[in-house]
Protein backbone atom coordinates (compact mmCIF):
# COMPACT_ATOMS: atom_id res chain seq x y z
CA MET A 1 4.13 -287.92 -126.41
CA ASN A 2 5.36 -289.87 -123.39
CA ASN A 3 7.02 -293.02 -124.72
CA SER A 4 6.68 -294.83 -121.39
CA ILE A 5 2.90 -294.38 -121.52
CA ASN A 6 2.56 -295.11 -125.23
CA PRO A 7 5.65 -297.11 -126.25
CA ASN A 8 4.38 -298.05 -129.72
CA GLY A 9 3.64 -294.47 -130.73
CA TYR A 10 -0.07 -294.83 -131.49
CA ARG A 11 -2.07 -291.65 -132.03
CA SER A 12 -4.25 -290.54 -129.13
CA ASP A 13 -7.43 -291.33 -131.11
CA ASP A 14 -6.23 -294.88 -131.86
CA PRO A 15 -7.82 -297.63 -129.70
CA ARG A 16 -4.31 -299.14 -129.39
CA TYR A 17 -2.98 -296.01 -127.67
CA GLY A 18 -0.89 -297.04 -124.66
CA LEU A 19 -1.03 -300.75 -125.44
CA SER A 20 2.02 -303.00 -125.67
CA GLY A 21 3.05 -306.55 -124.91
CA GLU A 22 0.26 -308.84 -123.73
CA GLU A 23 -2.35 -306.06 -123.77
CA LEU A 24 -1.66 -305.41 -127.45
CA THR A 25 -1.77 -309.13 -128.22
CA GLN A 26 -5.16 -309.36 -126.49
CA TYR A 27 -6.42 -306.36 -128.45
CA TYR A 28 -5.65 -308.07 -131.77
CA GLN A 29 -7.06 -311.40 -130.64
CA ASN A 30 -10.32 -309.70 -129.67
CA GLN A 31 -10.82 -308.00 -133.04
CA PRO A 32 -13.35 -309.49 -135.47
CA PRO A 33 -11.56 -311.57 -138.11
CA HIS A 34 -11.20 -310.19 -141.64
CA TYR A 35 -9.29 -311.70 -144.55
CA PHE A 36 -7.48 -310.10 -147.46
CA ILE A 37 -7.85 -312.26 -150.59
CA LYS A 38 -5.88 -311.78 -153.79
CA ALA A 39 -6.35 -314.11 -156.75
CA LEU A 40 -4.69 -313.47 -160.11
CA TYR A 41 -6.22 -314.55 -163.40
CA LYS A 42 -4.62 -317.42 -165.24
CA PRO A 43 -3.06 -316.51 -168.61
CA ASP A 44 -5.34 -316.15 -171.63
CA VAL A 45 -8.68 -316.28 -169.81
CA PHE A 46 -10.07 -312.85 -170.71
CA SER A 47 -12.64 -314.11 -173.22
CA CYS A 48 -13.92 -316.59 -170.61
CA LEU A 49 -14.12 -313.87 -167.96
CA LYS A 50 -16.46 -311.86 -170.16
CA ASN A 51 -18.80 -314.83 -170.50
CA VAL A 52 -19.26 -315.31 -166.74
CA GLU A 53 -18.91 -311.77 -165.36
CA ASP A 54 -22.67 -311.45 -164.76
CA LYS A 55 -22.65 -314.62 -162.66
CA TYR A 56 -19.63 -313.32 -160.73
CA ARG A 57 -21.48 -310.06 -160.04
CA ASP A 58 -24.47 -312.03 -158.77
CA TYR A 59 -22.17 -314.05 -156.51
CA VAL A 60 -20.53 -310.98 -154.98
CA GLU A 61 -23.86 -309.21 -154.54
CA SER A 62 -25.24 -312.24 -152.71
CA HIS A 63 -22.39 -311.89 -150.18
CA LEU A 64 -22.44 -308.13 -149.59
CA ASN A 65 -23.00 -308.71 -145.88
CA LEU A 66 -19.46 -310.17 -145.72
CA ILE A 67 -17.66 -307.72 -147.98
CA HIS A 68 -15.61 -304.74 -146.86
CA PHE A 69 -14.06 -304.16 -150.29
CA SER A 70 -14.12 -306.05 -153.58
CA GLY A 71 -12.65 -305.21 -156.94
CA THR A 72 -10.26 -305.74 -159.83
CA CYS A 73 -6.50 -305.27 -159.75
CA PHE A 74 -4.46 -304.22 -162.77
CA SER A 75 -1.03 -304.91 -164.18
CA ASN A 76 1.71 -302.34 -163.64
CA LYS A 77 2.68 -302.67 -167.30
CA SER A 78 -0.69 -302.56 -169.06
CA PRO A 79 -4.31 -301.50 -168.48
CA GLU A 80 -5.48 -305.12 -168.60
CA PRO A 81 -7.17 -306.59 -165.52
CA ARG A 82 -4.79 -308.83 -163.59
CA GLY A 83 -7.03 -310.44 -161.00
CA ILE A 84 -9.42 -309.82 -158.12
CA MET A 85 -8.85 -308.61 -154.58
CA CYS A 86 -11.20 -308.29 -151.65
CA ILE A 87 -11.40 -307.90 -147.88
CA ILE A 88 -14.16 -309.92 -146.26
CA ASP A 89 -15.51 -310.92 -142.87
CA ALA A 90 -14.90 -314.60 -142.15
CA PRO A 91 -14.51 -316.46 -138.85
CA ASP A 92 -11.47 -318.37 -140.11
CA LYS A 93 -9.21 -318.93 -143.10
CA TYR A 94 -11.10 -322.04 -144.20
CA LEU A 95 -14.30 -320.06 -144.78
CA ALA A 96 -12.39 -317.20 -146.41
CA LYS A 97 -10.94 -319.74 -148.84
CA LEU A 98 -14.39 -321.24 -149.37
CA TYR A 99 -15.68 -317.80 -150.40
CA ILE A 100 -13.18 -317.43 -153.24
CA LYS A 101 -13.21 -321.12 -154.21
CA SER A 102 -17.01 -321.05 -154.54
CA SER A 103 -16.99 -318.14 -157.00
CA ILE A 104 -17.80 -318.71 -160.66
CA TYR A 105 -14.25 -317.70 -161.60
CA SER A 106 -12.86 -320.55 -159.52
CA HIS A 107 -15.54 -322.94 -160.77
CA TYR A 108 -14.33 -322.42 -164.35
CA GLY A 109 -10.66 -322.57 -163.39
CA LEU A 110 -9.91 -318.95 -164.28
CA LEU A 111 -7.92 -318.08 -161.13
CA GLU A 112 -4.47 -318.92 -159.88
CA GLU A 113 -4.24 -320.20 -156.30
CA PRO A 114 -5.46 -317.32 -154.09
CA LYS A 115 -3.37 -315.61 -151.43
CA ILE A 116 -5.40 -315.34 -148.22
CA THR A 117 -4.12 -313.39 -145.22
CA ARG A 118 -5.72 -312.45 -141.92
CA PHE A 119 -6.19 -308.67 -141.61
CA VAL A 120 -7.14 -306.37 -138.73
CA SER A 121 -8.84 -303.21 -139.97
CA SER A 122 -7.78 -300.06 -138.14
CA LYS A 123 -9.91 -297.63 -140.14
CA LYS A 124 -12.98 -299.91 -140.13
CA LEU A 125 -14.53 -298.45 -143.28
CA LYS A 126 -16.38 -300.41 -145.96
CA TYR A 127 -16.80 -299.67 -149.66
CA MET A 128 -20.05 -297.74 -149.13
CA ASP A 129 -18.67 -295.47 -146.38
CA ARG A 130 -16.67 -293.10 -148.55
CA ILE A 131 -17.36 -291.39 -151.87
CA LEU A 132 -14.35 -291.84 -154.14
CA ASP A 133 -12.75 -289.00 -156.09
CA SER A 134 -13.20 -289.69 -159.82
CA ASN A 135 -9.91 -287.88 -160.52
CA LYS A 136 -7.90 -290.24 -158.33
CA GLN A 137 -6.93 -293.91 -158.36
CA LEU A 138 -6.88 -296.67 -155.76
CA PHE A 139 -3.81 -298.71 -154.88
CA VAL A 140 -3.45 -301.72 -152.60
CA CYS A 141 -0.13 -301.86 -150.76
CA GLU A 142 1.03 -305.18 -149.28
CA CYS A 143 4.03 -304.97 -146.95
CA ILE A 144 5.46 -308.23 -145.61
CA ASP A 145 7.81 -308.24 -142.62
CA GLY A 146 11.49 -309.01 -142.98
CA PRO A 147 13.68 -311.10 -140.64
CA GLU A 148 14.58 -308.10 -138.44
CA SER A 149 11.13 -306.54 -138.47
CA SER A 150 10.52 -306.63 -134.70
CA GLU A 151 13.70 -304.74 -133.90
CA ARG A 152 13.43 -302.32 -136.81
CA ARG A 153 9.79 -301.59 -136.01
CA LYS A 154 10.77 -300.37 -132.54
CA TYR A 155 12.90 -297.60 -134.02
CA SER A 156 10.33 -296.41 -136.55
CA SER A 157 7.03 -296.83 -134.71
CA LEU A 158 6.72 -293.24 -133.48
CA ALA A 159 7.58 -291.78 -136.88
CA HIS A 160 5.27 -294.29 -138.58
CA HIS A 161 2.21 -293.21 -136.60
CA LYS A 162 3.06 -289.53 -136.96
CA TYR A 163 3.37 -289.92 -140.74
CA GLN A 164 0.19 -291.95 -140.89
CA GLY A 165 -1.68 -289.21 -139.05
CA GLU A 166 -0.49 -286.65 -141.61
CA ILE A 167 -1.80 -288.65 -144.58
CA ILE A 168 -4.77 -290.41 -142.98
CA ASP A 169 -7.26 -288.87 -145.43
CA LYS A 170 -5.57 -290.77 -148.26
CA PHE A 171 -6.31 -294.12 -146.60
CA ILE A 172 -9.39 -296.11 -147.54
CA ALA A 173 -8.30 -298.98 -145.29
CA HIS A 174 -5.21 -299.84 -143.29
CA GLY A 175 -4.09 -302.23 -140.61
CA PRO A 176 -1.76 -305.08 -139.70
CA LEU A 177 -1.57 -308.45 -141.41
CA ARG A 178 -1.52 -311.36 -138.96
CA ASN A 179 -0.62 -315.04 -139.14
CA ASP A 180 -3.39 -317.63 -139.50
CA ASP A 181 -3.90 -318.19 -135.76
CA ASN A 182 -3.69 -314.44 -135.02
CA THR A 183 -0.69 -314.73 -132.69
CA GLU A 184 1.91 -312.83 -134.72
CA LEU A 185 2.21 -309.66 -136.75
CA ILE A 186 3.48 -310.47 -140.26
CA GLY A 187 3.09 -307.18 -142.12
CA SER A 188 0.83 -304.28 -143.05
CA LEU A 189 -1.87 -303.69 -145.64
CA PHE A 190 -3.37 -300.44 -146.82
CA ILE A 191 -5.60 -299.16 -149.58
CA ILE A 192 -4.88 -295.58 -150.62
CA GLU A 193 -6.57 -293.05 -152.89
CA VAL A 194 -4.06 -290.83 -154.70
CA GLU A 195 -3.59 -289.07 -158.05
CA ASN A 196 -1.55 -291.72 -159.86
CA ARG A 197 1.04 -294.47 -159.50
CA ASP A 198 3.88 -292.00 -158.91
CA ALA A 199 1.97 -290.50 -155.99
CA ALA A 200 1.33 -293.98 -154.59
CA TYR A 201 5.03 -294.86 -154.72
CA GLU A 202 5.99 -291.54 -153.13
CA LEU A 203 3.54 -292.05 -150.26
CA VAL A 204 4.61 -295.64 -149.61
CA TYR A 205 8.37 -295.20 -149.91
CA ASN A 206 8.33 -292.15 -147.62
CA GLU A 207 6.64 -294.26 -144.95
CA PRO A 208 9.11 -294.57 -142.03
CA MET A 209 8.78 -298.34 -141.67
CA VAL A 210 9.39 -298.82 -145.38
CA LYS A 211 12.39 -296.47 -145.23
CA ASN A 212 13.74 -298.36 -142.21
CA ASP A 213 13.54 -301.75 -144.02
CA VAL A 214 10.97 -303.24 -141.66
CA PHE A 215 9.51 -305.07 -144.67
CA LYS A 216 11.25 -307.57 -146.93
CA THR A 217 8.72 -307.00 -149.72
CA VAL A 218 6.47 -304.09 -150.65
CA GLU A 219 3.96 -304.62 -153.45
CA ILE A 220 1.84 -301.77 -154.82
CA THR A 221 -1.04 -302.74 -157.11
CA ARG A 222 -3.54 -300.49 -158.88
CA TRP A 223 -7.07 -301.51 -158.04
CA CYS A 224 -10.67 -300.37 -158.43
CA TYR A 225 -13.97 -301.31 -156.86
CA ASP A 226 -16.24 -303.70 -158.70
CA SER A 227 -18.31 -301.48 -161.00
CA PHE A 228 -21.57 -302.78 -159.55
CA LEU A 229 -20.76 -301.80 -155.95
């Protein structure tokens, strides 16, 4: 691969191949806006959740036109549900926040303050586009840039895209996280399908950008689709 033609190391089938600088910025600014939303349950709300889960299902089903993925995340230390996570279409952060704040879980005060981050989908799949393997598990991996991320990313970009190409079948979704006004890269997000938590950690911590300390935090959370999807 000629680095002068493709300085960021994108694969030849990637629409970002050959882009850098202002061209790459324009690419991201022209992508349709998606938002990653993560909202943890407040302590001791499980009995209340059971009472309103049918209304929550109705709410999600009434917004399927917006939803890329929606489901429950789980604690690393127990099988208990920990909260909800989704990726949705929304023109801006205000409307993404309105989506989660209008849910029955928020109405009854069952959720902590949600984390809402702009996301650019590289794989562009939705929940209905891939049949999941019943013998595997899903994990959501949130990687947030560190203070030296720009410089460190330069030295791991080629290896990152090569590694990603080797494991691409394990990805349900992947792409960069962006700041609210879509002017800066702030991290990466991916959903993977692997055998278990150990396999998820092995995949993530062998990722060249993770190994090169591009990210200040890496969070891996077990997750599953809403059962009604």
